[in-house]
Amino acid sequence: MDANWARSLFTVWVFISFILVLYIVFNRRNKKNYDDAANSIFENDDKESSEKDGR
């Protein structure tokens, strides 16, 4: 087994890992989690805002 064979196996492994990440990210079951994370910045928490104002 030479270095080129190991490089080829590593390339295939990285490609399969990339496809797996794409599948996880674009899976419909995870849509709610991503929507919640995207909208969390717009949620207003009165406790945090009053602490920042010094009230």
C-alpha atoms as a PDB file:
ATOM      1  CA  MET A   1       0.000   0.000   0.000  1.00  0.00           C
ATOM      2  CA  ASP A   2       1.623   3.210  -1.137  1.00  0.00           C
ATOM      3  CA  ALA A   3       0.913   6.849  -0.282  1.00  0.00           C
ATOM      4  CA  ASN A   4      -1.374   7.360  -3.279  1.00  0.00           C
ATOM      5  CA  TRP A   5      -3.685   4.578  -2.078  1.00  0.00           C
ATOM      6  CA  ALA A   6      -3.919   6.190   1.383  1.00  0.00           C
ATOM      7  CA  ARG A   7      -4.616   9.599  -0.186  1.00  0.00           C
ATOM      8  CA  SER A   8      -7.383   8.091  -2.288  1.00  0.00           C
ATOM      9  CA  LEU A   9      -9.002   6.453   0.729  1.00  0.00           C
ATOM     10  CA  PHE A  10      -8.770   9.710   2.684  1.00  0.00           C
ATOM     11  CA  THR A  11     -10.405  11.614  -0.185  1.00  0.00           C
ATOM     12  CA  VAL A  12     -13.272   9.128  -0.367  1.00  0.00           C
ATOM     13  CA  TRP A  13     -13.706   9.287   3.427  1.00  0.00           C
ATOM     14  CA  VAL A  14     -13.847  13.115   3.380  1.00  0.00           C
ATOM     15  CA  PHE A  15     -16.370  13.060   0.521  1.00  0.00           C
ATOM     16  CA  ILE A  16     -18.623  10.584   2.337  1.00  0.00           C
ATOM     17  CA  SER A  17     -18.393  12.691   5.510  1.00  0.00           C
ATOM     18  CA  PHE A  18     -19.339  15.798   3.532  1.00  0.00           C
ATOM     19  CA  ILE A  19     -22.380  14.065   2.035  1.00  0.00           C
ATOM     20  CA  LEU A  20     -23.396  12.899   5.522  1.00  0.00           C
ATOM     21  CA  VAL A  21     -23.179  16.463   6.875  1.00  0.00           C
ATOM     22  CA  LEU A  22     -25.304  17.735   3.990  1.00  0.00           C
ATOM     23  CA  TYR A  23     -27.887  15.035   4.686  1.00  0.00           C
ATOM     24  CA  ILE A  24     -28.058  15.946   8.371  1.00  0.00           C
ATOM     25  CA  VAL A  25     -28.316  19.678   7.697  1.00  0.00           C
ATOM     26  CA  PHE A  26     -30.996  19.437   5.012  1.00  0.00           C
ATOM     27  CA  ASN A  27     -33.031  16.688   6.660  1.00  0.00           C
ATOM     28  CA  ARG A  28     -36.657  17.775   7.174  1.00  0.00           C
ATOM     29  CA  ARG A  29     -36.740  16.453  10.752  1.00  0.00           C
ATOM     30  CA  ASN A  30     -34.154  19.067  11.784  1.00  0.00           C
ATOM     31  CA  LYS A  31     -36.011  22.019  10.233  1.00  0.00           C
ATOM     32  CA  LYS A  32     -37.732  22.990  13.493  1.00  0.00           C
ATOM     33  CA  ASN A  33     -34.410  23.074  15.365  1.00  0.00           C
ATOM     34  CA  TYR A  34     -32.833  25.321  12.753  1.00  0.00           C
ATOM     35  CA  ASP A  35     -35.896  27.595  12.642  1.00  0.00           C
ATOM     36  CA  ASP A  36     -35.805  27.936  16.434  1.00  0.00           C
ATOM     37  CA  ALA A  37     -32.108  28.781  16.349  1.00  0.00           C
ATOM     38  CA  ALA A  38     -32.605  31.326  13.564  1.00  0.00           C
ATOM     39  CA  ASN A  39     -35.468  33.048  15.371  1.00  0.00           C
ATOM     40  CA  SER A  40     -33.829  33.026  18.803  1.00  0.00           C
ATOM     41  CA  ILE A  41     -32.062  36.292  18.051  1.00  0.00           C
ATOM     42  CA  PHE A  42     -35.429  38.019  17.633  1.00  0.00           C
ATOM     43  CA  GLU A  43     -36.903  36.725  20.878  1.00  0.00           C
ATOM     44  CA  ASN A  44     -37.102  39.429  23.493  1.00  0.00           C
ATOM     45  CA  ASP A  45     -36.325  38.510  27.073  1.00  0.00           C
ATOM     46  CA  ASP A  46     -37.380  41.271  29.482  1.00  0.00           C
ATOM     47  CA  LYS A  47     -35.065  40.047  32.237  1.00  0.00           C
ATOM     48  CA  GLU A  48     -31.948  40.368  30.094  1.00  0.00           C
ATOM     49  CA  SER A  49     -32.928  43.767  28.682  1.00  0.00           C
ATOM     50  CA  SER A  50     -33.616  45.225  32.135  1.00  0.00           C
ATOM     51  CA  GLU A  51     -30.233  44.013  33.408  1.00  0.00           C
ATOM     52  CA  LYS A  52     -28.476  45.687  30.499  1.00  0.00           C
ATOM     53  CA  ASP A  53     -30.276  48.976  31.157  1.00  0.00           C
ATOM     54  CA  GLY A  54     -29.254  48.887  34.821  1.00  0.00           C
ATOM     55  CA  ARG A  55     -32.808  48.846  36.117  1.00  0.00           C
END
